[in-house]
Structure formats: structure tokens, C-alpha cells
Amino acid sequence: MKAAVLYEPNTPLKIEEVELDEPQANEILVKLEAVGVCHTDLSFMKGEMPVGMPIVIGHEGCGIVEKIGPGVTSVKPGDKVISMVSFSCGQCRFCAEGRPTRCTENVNIMMMAELPFFAGKRVHKGDQYMHQLFGLGSFAEKCVVHERAVVKVRDDAPSDVVCLLGCGVTTGIGAATNTAKVRPGQSVVVYGVGGVGLSAVMGAKMAGAGNLIAVARSQNKLDMAKELGADHVINPNDEDPVAKVKELTGGMGADVAIEAAGVASVMEQSFASIHNGGICVLAGMAPMTAITSFAPFEFLLGKTITGTVQGDIIASIDIPRLVDRYMEGNLPVDKLITKTFSLDQVNEAFEAMENKEVLRSVIKI
């Protein structure tokens, strides 16, 4: 089968013919149909997040279960599934508490880039085994993953749209609805309206946000934010976004700020944009070495800052519901997709992302 492999940071992905081992206990073989091109992939490709190499990149996959290993009970051959960037073991403290995106296995999977529970890798070229980003490695024709790394969805859902629910869309929607818990009428500002930020706009709108503000430097992204429900847009190239947010919120600052740019300085702007007692949610992935500064006194005024992992969703419940909302015409995820590419064009897809030519793009396998 073909897969997109990264051998060194800051080098193009290579489309390689590789081999794939059979699924073992609690594992499944998925024939992929579509994969989202996510900025998180780029963070690993650039070396901003450490990971072993060679590695098959990609994590927002959607496809059909082709085979199952011993002990698999949650899916069967023929089921359509979406892979989740956030794994849930179902047994650790956080899973038991109903916070599965905080699962203790996640850091191990992210850093080691192999299957959960230290189960190793399934992709290889001869004797050389390859890491799988997030234990998935979705930029490939097929992948072997743990059964708990996917969620079954309805058969009629278009794979080249709902694949985005595997990471970016759910991160943004969940940041608004689950992490910030936006309430009807609250003022919300979203900093950075790429794939995650635009999804946060959709999530805030779903939650009934009142004054909804989007901040970005790209006009096409601001235009889409308006189309998705933003009441005001701010371009930092033209004006101070913090001052403008305060002006638009009666001099107070927003009830909620969601940072989705993954830039340390923007995180500081987001925090500065909330009023005393407000909440700032960090949803963007900054480089691991990035450092931010906040005045401790502001926390004494009741300001809150928190992070989110895949929008604090409960995947087995939230993903099918969000797919249903899309199919009913109530969640316009397809509007985020500017262009589709083939697997052979994966490097072009990342170039288009870096050049800000697309909102989101999808690889069709």
C-alpha cells in the first residue's frame, strides 16, 4: 500500500510503498477514504513537537473497517469509522471521571507515535518499522489502529467531510460548548479562525453566543467567520485587537476568549481580551518550547485560563451527534473545505495551508 512518510523534520513527505501487518488483539484494519489536512500534522513535520521517525503522518481519517483482530467488539467489517486524535482507554481515572480526552495513554501515544499500551507499530518497509502519528498514521491507503481509536458513524455520511471531526472541528466546537461552556447571550471572541477557530465560531453560535467576534489576519478567513455567524471581525493588521474587542464589548472585555492560532503572543492577547471573571480557552497548538507571560494579579480578579484537548468531547456520544447535525444541514462543516487533493499531492496540500490558500483541505484516498 502507499503511505506518506516523513524521514526528517522540515523535509517533504515521501509517498512510499510500505507493508502493513495484520491487526492484533483489539485492533482493526481500516481502508481509508479521506483524511483531513490538519495544522497539527504540520507542527510535527516542522519539528515543533518531538516525535520518532520515520513516521506516517496524518490523523483525521475516515474509512471502512476491513478486518478486525481478536477481541474487537465495538465495530465490525463494513462499518464506517472516524479516527480520533485523542485516545480513550476507558479504564484510567480521567476516563472513569467522564473526561476521556485527558486519558493517561494520550501523552505516551503522542510522544512515541505507536499504538496504545506500548503495542508497537504495524507499518514497515522491509525490516524498518515506521511510527504512526497519534497511533494512527492516516495519510495512507490503509491503517491498523486500536478499536478505541475510532468511532463508528452512519454509513451515508460523506467521508471527505466528516473526517474533519477527528480533530480540528471537534476541538473548535468543543472548546466553545464543552470547555468554555458558552451560555446564550455571552460575548465570545475567537483568535485565529483557521479550521479550529472557524469551528469554534460554529460552536459558539450553536451555544447561543450573543456578541461573536473573530480575529485573524487573512481576509478569506474573516469572510468565512462572518458567513458562519460572527457579528464582528477584526484584522490585527489594521487595528489593535484587544482594544477593539473591549470597544465592541462596552469597554469590559469578552465573557469568553478562544485562542486557536497556536501562537504564544496571540494567547496573551486572548487573555487580555476577557473581562474580570471571564474565561480564556487555549485550543491552538504552540511549539513545545513556546513560553507565555501572564500577570498573576489578573487571576485574583477572577480571570480563568485553561487548555482543551479535542474540545473535551466524549467521542462515542458527540461524534455521531455532530455527524447527524451535519447531515440535517445544521452544521456546515463542508463550508470549511476549500480544496481536495490526492495522496500523491499531500505536499501540495501542506504548501496551500502554509500559503493561506485554503481554509481546510482534504486528501481523498
Protein backbone atom coordinates (compact mmCIF):
# COMPACT_ATOMS: atom_id res chain seq x y z
CA MET A 1 0.00 0.00 0.00
CA LYS A 2 1.01 3.66 -0.34
CA ALA A 3 1.70 5.94 2.61
CA ALA A 4 3.12 9.44 3.15
CA VAL A 5 6.27 9.08 5.24
CA LEU A 6 8.37 11.74 6.98
CA TYR A 7 12.04 10.82 7.37
CA GLU A 8 13.42 14.12 8.72
CA PRO A 9 11.85 17.34 10.03
CA ASN A 10 11.37 20.13 7.50
CA THR A 11 11.60 17.81 4.51
CA PRO A 12 8.82 16.83 2.10
CA LEU A 13 6.74 13.76 2.79
CA LYS A 14 7.66 10.78 0.61
CA ILE A 15 4.95 8.65 -0.95
CA GLU A 16 6.27 5.16 -0.30
CA GLU A 17 5.17 1.60 -0.96
CA VAL A 18 5.01 0.06 2.51
CA GLU A 19 3.75 -3.09 4.18
CA LEU A 20 1.06 -3.33 6.83
CA ASP A 21 0.87 -6.06 9.45
CA GLU A 22 -2.41 -7.78 10.27
CA PRO A 23 -4.46 -6.36 13.16
CA GLN A 24 -3.65 -7.96 16.50
CA ALA A 25 -5.80 -8.19 19.65
CA ASN A 26 -8.26 -5.27 19.92
CA GLU A 27 -7.02 -3.78 16.65
CA ILE A 28 -8.75 -3.11 13.34
CA LEU A 29 -7.70 -2.63 9.73
CA VAL A 30 -9.30 0.45 8.15
CA LYS A 31 -9.41 1.12 4.41
CA LEU A 32 -9.16 4.90 4.36
CA GLU A 33 -11.35 7.02 2.10
CA ALA A 34 -10.45 10.58 3.16
CA VAL A 35 -8.10 12.35 5.57
CA GLY A 36 -8.15 15.95 6.74
CA VAL A 37 -5.00 18.05 6.35
CA CYS A 38 -4.56 19.47 9.85
CA HIS A 39 -2.12 22.09 11.12
CA THR A 40 -1.22 19.70 13.93
CA ASP A 41 0.38 17.43 11.33
CA LEU A 42 2.50 20.38 10.22
CA SER A 43 3.68 21.06 13.77
CA PHE A 44 5.20 17.58 13.91
CA MET A 45 6.56 17.82 10.37
CA LYS A 46 8.40 21.01 11.27
CA GLY A 47 9.89 19.51 14.40
CA GLU A 48 7.97 21.88 16.69
CA MET A 49 6.74 18.81 18.53
CA PRO A 50 9.21 15.94 19.06
CA VAL A 51 8.36 12.55 17.57
CA GLY A 52 10.19 9.44 16.35
CA MET A 53 10.98 8.97 12.66
CA PRO A 54 10.41 7.67 10.08
CA ILE A 55 6.73 8.32 10.65
CA VAL A 56 3.48 8.07 8.69
CA ILE A 57 1.77 11.45 9.18
CA GLY A 58 -1.98 12.10 9.30
CA HIS A 59 -4.69 11.63 11.89
CA GLU A 60 -8.08 12.96 10.68
CA GLY A 61 -9.04 9.76 8.88
CA CYS A 62 -12.36 8.33 7.79
CA GLY A 63 -12.83 4.95 6.14
CA ILE A 64 -14.32 1.48 6.23
CA VAL A 65 -13.36 -1.31 8.63
CA GLU A 66 -11.91 -4.11 6.51
CA LYS A 67 -10.69 -6.58 9.15
CA ILE A 68 -10.86 -6.94 12.92
CA GLY A 69 -8.45 -8.62 15.31
CA PRO A 70 -9.23 -10.93 18.23
CA GLY A 71 -11.39 -9.39 20.94
CA VAL A 72 -12.78 -6.47 18.92
CA THR A 73 -16.40 -5.79 19.87
CA SER A 74 -17.13 -2.11 19.08
CA VAL A 75 -17.02 -2.33 15.27
CA LYS A 76 -17.32 -4.94 12.53
CA PRO A 77 -16.15 -5.20 8.90
CA GLY A 78 -18.11 -2.80 6.71
CA ASP A 79 -18.60 -0.13 9.39
CA LYS A 80 -17.69 3.47 8.58
CA VAL A 81 -15.40 4.96 11.23
CA ILE A 82 -13.64 8.22 12.03
CA SER A 83 -10.24 8.13 13.75
CA MET A 84 -9.81 10.23 16.89
CA VAL A 85 -6.72 12.32 17.62
CA SER A 86 -7.47 11.77 21.31
CA PHE A 87 -7.44 8.16 22.50
CA SER A 88 -9.52 6.90 25.43
CA CYS A 89 -8.52 3.71 27.26
CA GLY A 90 -11.82 3.58 29.18
CA GLN A 91 -10.09 2.50 32.37
CA CYS A 92 -7.90 5.29 33.76
CA ARG A 93 -9.02 7.88 36.29
CA PHE A 94 -9.87 10.50 33.68
CA CYS A 95 -11.88 8.11 31.51
CA ALA A 96 -13.75 6.97 34.63
CA GLU A 97 -14.48 10.61 35.52
CA GLY A 98 -16.05 11.23 32.12
CA ARG A 99 -13.08 13.20 30.75
CA PRO A 100 -11.81 10.73 28.12
CA THR A 101 -9.75 13.27 26.16
CA ARG A 102 -7.49 13.54 29.24
CA CYS A 103 -6.77 9.78 29.11
CA THR A 104 -3.36 8.95 30.58
CA GLU A 105 -2.45 6.98 27.43
CA ASN A 106 -2.58 10.07 25.22
CA VAL A 107 0.83 11.54 26.05
CA ASN A 108 2.51 8.16 25.51
CA ILE A 109 0.78 7.72 22.16
CA MET A 110 1.64 11.25 21.02
CA MET A 111 5.30 11.12 22.05
CA MET A 112 6.01 7.53 20.98
CA ALA A 113 3.77 7.59 17.87
CA GLU A 114 2.81 3.97 18.13
CA LEU A 115 -0.28 2.01 19.07
CA PRO A 116 -1.72 2.38 22.59
CA PHE A 117 -0.46 0.38 25.56
CA PHE A 118 3.04 0.26 24.05
CA ALA A 119 1.79 -2.16 21.41
CA GLY A 120 4.35 -1.04 18.82
CA LYS A 121 3.93 -0.27 15.13
CA ARG A 122 2.23 -2.00 12.22
CA VAL A 123 3.66 -0.16 9.19
CA HIS A 124 7.05 -1.13 7.80
CA LYS A 125 9.24 -1.13 4.73
CA GLY A 126 11.17 -4.36 4.85
CA ASP A 127 12.67 -4.57 8.32
CA GLN A 128 12.26 -0.86 9.05
CA TYR A 129 9.15 -0.20 11.11
CA MET A 130 7.59 3.26 10.95
CA HIS A 131 5.94 5.33 13.64
CA GLN A 132 2.25 6.22 13.27
CA LEU A 133 1.30 9.76 14.27
CA PHE A 134 -1.06 9.59 17.27
CA GLY A 135 -1.06 5.81 16.84
CA LEU A 136 -2.94 6.35 13.56
CA GLY A 137 -0.83 7.35 10.53
CA SER A 138 -3.76 8.23 8.29
CA PHE A 139 -2.00 9.56 5.19
CA ALA A 140 -2.09 6.08 3.74
CA GLU A 141 -4.37 3.78 1.82
CA LYS A 142 -4.94 1.68 4.94
CA CYS A 143 -4.04 1.73 8.62
CA VAL A 144 -4.12 -0.63 11.59
CA VAL A 145 -5.30 1.06 14.80
CA HIS A 146 -6.74 0.18 18.19
CA GLU A 147 -10.52 -0.22 18.11
CA ARG A 148 -10.90 2.52 20.76
CA ALA A 149 -9.08 4.96 18.45
CA VAL A 150 -12.14 5.18 16.16
CA VAL A 151 -15.84 5.99 16.39
CA LYS A 152 -18.49 4.32 14.24
CA VAL A 153 -20.69 6.74 12.26
CA ARG A 154 -23.63 6.43 9.89
CA ASP A 155 -22.91 4.84 6.50
CA ASP A 156 -24.31 7.71 4.43
CA ALA A 157 -22.02 10.38 5.92
CA PRO A 158 -19.56 11.69 3.29
CA SER A 159 -16.08 10.63 4.35
CA ASP A 160 -14.43 13.65 2.73
CA VAL A 161 -16.37 15.98 5.05
CA VAL A 162 -16.86 14.14 8.35
CA CYS A 163 -13.17 13.15 8.53
CA LEU A 164 -12.60 16.69 9.88
CA LEU A 165 -14.46 15.68 13.04
CA GLY A 166 -11.47 13.55 14.00
CA CYS A 167 -9.60 16.58 15.34
CA GLY A 168 -9.98 20.19 14.23
CA VAL A 169 -13.73 20.62 14.02
CA THR A 170 -14.44 18.88 17.32
CA THR A 171 -11.61 20.79 19.00
CA GLY A 172 -13.13 24.11 17.99
CA ILE A 173 -16.77 23.25 18.63
CA GLY A 174 -15.94 21.58 21.94
CA ALA A 175 -13.74 24.48 23.06
CA ALA A 176 -16.85 26.66 22.92
CA THR A 177 -19.57 24.26 24.04
CA ASN A 178 -17.73 21.98 26.48
CA THR A 179 -14.62 23.76 27.76
CA ALA A 180 -15.83 27.37 27.87
CA LYS A 181 -19.47 26.29 28.27
CA VAL A 182 -20.67 29.33 26.35
CA ARG A 183 -24.12 30.39 27.52
CA PRO A 184 -26.83 32.15 25.49
CA GLY A 185 -26.12 35.85 25.13
CA GLN A 186 -22.46 35.72 26.19
CA SER A 187 -19.85 37.69 24.26
CA VAL A 188 -17.21 35.48 22.64
CA VAL A 189 -14.02 36.36 20.76
CA VAL A 190 -12.13 33.77 18.72
CA TYR A 191 -8.50 34.50 17.94
CA GLY A 192 -7.27 32.69 14.84
CA VAL A 193 -10.02 31.48 12.53
CA GLY A 194 -8.45 28.64 10.63
CA GLY A 195 -10.03 25.21 10.82
CA VAL A 196 -10.19 25.10 14.63
CA GLY A 197 -11.17 28.76 15.04
CA LEU A 198 -13.94 28.64 12.45
CA SER A 199 -15.26 25.55 14.19
CA ALA A 200 -15.16 27.49 17.47
CA VAL A 201 -17.28 30.16 15.78
CA MET A 202 -19.77 27.46 14.79
CA GLY A 203 -19.72 26.04 18.31
CA ALA A 204 -20.26 29.44 19.93
CA LYS A 205 -23.13 30.13 17.55
CA MET A 206 -24.66 26.73 18.37
CA ALA A 207 -24.44 27.61 22.06
CA GLY A 208 -26.32 30.90 21.51
CA ALA A 209 -23.45 33.38 21.82
CA GLY A 210 -24.56 37.00 21.69
CA ASN A 211 -21.75 39.26 20.51
CA LEU A 212 -19.49 36.94 18.48
CA ILE A 213 -16.14 38.37 17.34
CA ALA A 214 -13.47 36.79 15.09
CA VAL A 215 -9.84 37.90 14.87
CA ALA A 216 -7.50 36.92 12.03
CA ARG A 217 -5.04 38.38 9.52
CA SER A 218 -6.48 36.61 6.45
CA GLN A 219 -9.47 38.24 4.81
CA ASN A 220 -10.81 34.97 3.40
CA LYS A 221 -10.93 33.54 6.92
CA LEU A 222 -12.66 36.62 8.28
CA ASP A 223 -15.20 36.44 5.45
CA MET A 224 -15.97 32.82 6.32
CA ALA A 225 -16.24 33.68 10.02
CA LYS A 226 -18.92 36.23 9.10
CA GLU A 227 -20.71 33.65 6.98
CA LEU A 228 -20.68 31.21 9.89
CA GLY A 229 -22.20 33.72 12.29
CA ALA A 230 -19.57 36.16 13.57
CA ASP A 231 -21.07 39.58 14.30
CA HIS A 232 -17.76 41.45 14.05
CA VAL A 233 -14.36 40.70 12.53
CA ILE A 234 -11.00 42.25 13.41
CA ASN A 235 -7.81 42.23 11.36
CA PRO A 236 -4.76 42.85 13.60
CA ASN A 237 -3.01 44.33 10.57
CA ASP A 238 -5.43 47.24 10.76
CA GLU A 239 -6.08 47.79 14.48
CA ASP A 240 -5.21 46.63 18.00
CA PRO A 241 -7.42 43.57 18.51
CA VAL A 242 -7.51 43.78 22.31
CA ALA A 243 -8.60 47.43 22.28
CA LYS A 244 -11.19 46.71 19.59
CA VAL A 245 -12.63 43.73 21.48
CA LYS A 246 -13.06 45.91 24.56
CA GLU A 247 -14.69 48.62 22.46
CA LEU A 248 -17.12 46.08 20.96
CA THR A 249 -17.99 44.75 24.42
CA GLY A 250 -18.78 48.07 26.07
CA GLY A 251 -15.27 48.59 27.43
CA MET A 252 -15.41 45.46 29.59
CA GLY A 253 -13.86 42.72 27.51
CA ALA A 254 -15.43 39.48 26.33
CA ASP A 255 -17.03 36.84 28.54
CA VAL A 256 -15.11 34.15 26.64
CA ALA A 257 -11.96 34.16 24.52
CA ILE A 258 -10.90 31.11 22.48
CA GLU A 259 -7.36 31.07 21.11
CA ALA A 260 -6.98 28.85 18.05
CA ALA A 261 -3.86 30.26 16.39
CA GLY A 262 -1.26 28.28 18.33
CA VAL A 263 0.90 31.40 18.82
CA ALA A 264 2.15 32.41 22.28
CA SER A 265 1.69 36.15 21.72
CA VAL A 266 -1.86 35.59 20.49
CA MET A 267 -2.59 33.60 23.64
CA GLU A 268 -1.59 36.65 25.65
CA GLN A 269 -3.87 38.85 23.54
CA SER A 270 -6.74 36.42 24.06
CA PHE A 271 -6.30 36.52 27.83
CA ALA A 272 -6.11 40.31 27.75
CA SER A 273 -9.42 40.41 25.86
CA ILE A 274 -11.59 38.93 28.63
CA HIS A 275 -13.12 40.88 31.49
CA ASN A 276 -12.52 40.15 35.16
CA GLY A 277 -14.26 36.84 35.78
CA GLY A 278 -14.02 35.81 32.13
CA ILE A 279 -12.53 32.61 30.74
CA CYS A 280 -9.80 32.15 28.12
CA VAL A 281 -9.54 28.76 26.42
CA LEU A 282 -6.30 27.79 24.63
CA ALA A 283 -7.12 25.45 21.75
CA GLY A 284 -4.18 26.16 19.43
CA MET A 285 -1.01 24.03 19.44
CA ALA A 286 2.02 26.25 20.02
CA PRO A 287 5.55 24.85 19.66
CA MET A 288 6.56 22.89 22.77
CA THR A 289 9.32 25.40 23.53
CA ALA A 290 6.97 28.44 23.43
CA ILE A 291 6.59 30.49 26.62
CA THR A 292 3.82 32.92 27.58
CA SER A 293 3.57 35.58 30.31
CA PHE A 294 0.51 36.48 32.38
CA ALA A 295 0.25 38.84 35.36
CA PRO A 296 -0.69 36.77 38.45
CA PHE A 297 -2.79 39.67 39.79
CA GLU A 298 -5.29 39.15 36.98
CA PHE A 299 -6.13 35.72 38.34
CA LEU A 300 -7.06 37.37 41.65
CA LEU A 301 -9.62 39.34 39.66
CA GLY A 302 -11.32 36.11 38.70
CA LYS A 303 -9.91 35.59 35.23
CA THR A 304 -9.52 31.96 34.20
CA ILE A 305 -7.24 30.41 31.61
CA THR A 306 -7.48 26.76 30.60
CA GLY A 307 -6.48 24.42 27.82
CA THR A 308 -8.57 21.88 25.95
CA VAL A 309 -7.87 18.51 24.38
CA GLN A 310 -10.08 17.85 21.35
CA GLY A 311 -12.69 20.13 22.83
CA ASP A 312 -13.26 17.89 25.86
CA ILE A 313 -15.62 15.75 23.80
CA ILE A 314 -16.92 12.31 24.66
CA ALA A 315 -16.25 10.87 21.22
CA SER A 316 -18.61 7.90 21.19
CA ILE A 317 -21.51 10.24 22.04
CA ASP A 318 -20.56 13.58 20.48
CA ILE A 319 -19.19 12.43 17.11
CA PRO A 320 -22.36 10.63 15.92
CA ARG A 321 -24.46 13.59 17.12
CA LEU A 322 -22.31 16.08 15.22
CA VAL A 323 -22.45 13.90 12.11
CA ASP A 324 -26.25 13.89 12.41
CA ARG A 325 -26.27 17.70 12.75
CA TYR A 326 -24.20 17.99 9.57
CA MET A 327 -26.44 15.57 7.66
CA GLU A 328 -29.51 17.54 8.80
CA GLY A 329 -27.98 20.77 7.45
CA ASN A 330 -27.39 22.31 10.88
CA LEU A 331 -23.58 22.18 10.99
CA PRO A 332 -21.96 23.46 7.77
CA VAL A 333 -18.63 21.65 8.11
CA ASP A 334 -18.37 21.37 4.32
CA LYS A 335 -18.02 25.17 4.06
CA LEU A 336 -14.60 24.87 5.67
CA ILE A 337 -13.24 22.74 2.83
CA THR A 338 -11.58 24.82 0.14
CA LYS A 339 -9.88 22.10 -1.87
CA THR A 340 -9.32 18.35 -2.10
CA PHE A 341 -6.08 16.63 -3.07
CA SER A 342 -4.94 13.09 -3.85
CA LEU A 343 -2.47 11.24 -1.61
CA ASP A 344 0.25 11.90 -4.21
CA GLN A 345 -0.42 15.64 -3.77
CA VAL A 346 -0.07 15.69 0.02
CA ASN A 347 2.93 18.06 -0.03
CA GLU A 348 0.96 20.46 -2.24
CA ALA A 349 -1.82 20.36 0.34
CA PHE A 350 0.55 21.48 3.10
CA GLU A 351 2.01 24.19 0.86
CA ALA A 352 -1.50 25.50 0.27
CA MET A 353 -2.06 25.53 4.04
CA GLU A 354 1.15 27.44 4.74
CA ASN A 355 0.42 29.91 1.95
CA LYS A 356 -3.04 30.51 3.44
CA GLU A 357 -4.67 29.48 0.17
CA VAL A 358 -7.17 27.19 1.90
CA LEU A 359 -9.36 27.16 4.99
CA ARG A 360 -9.25 23.38 5.26
CA SER A 361 -8.29 20.77 2.69
CA VAL A 362 -8.86 17.04 2.46
CA ILE A 363 -6.89 14.17 0.98
CA LYS A 364 -9.17 11.78 -0.91
CA ILE A 365 -7.64 8.31 -0.96
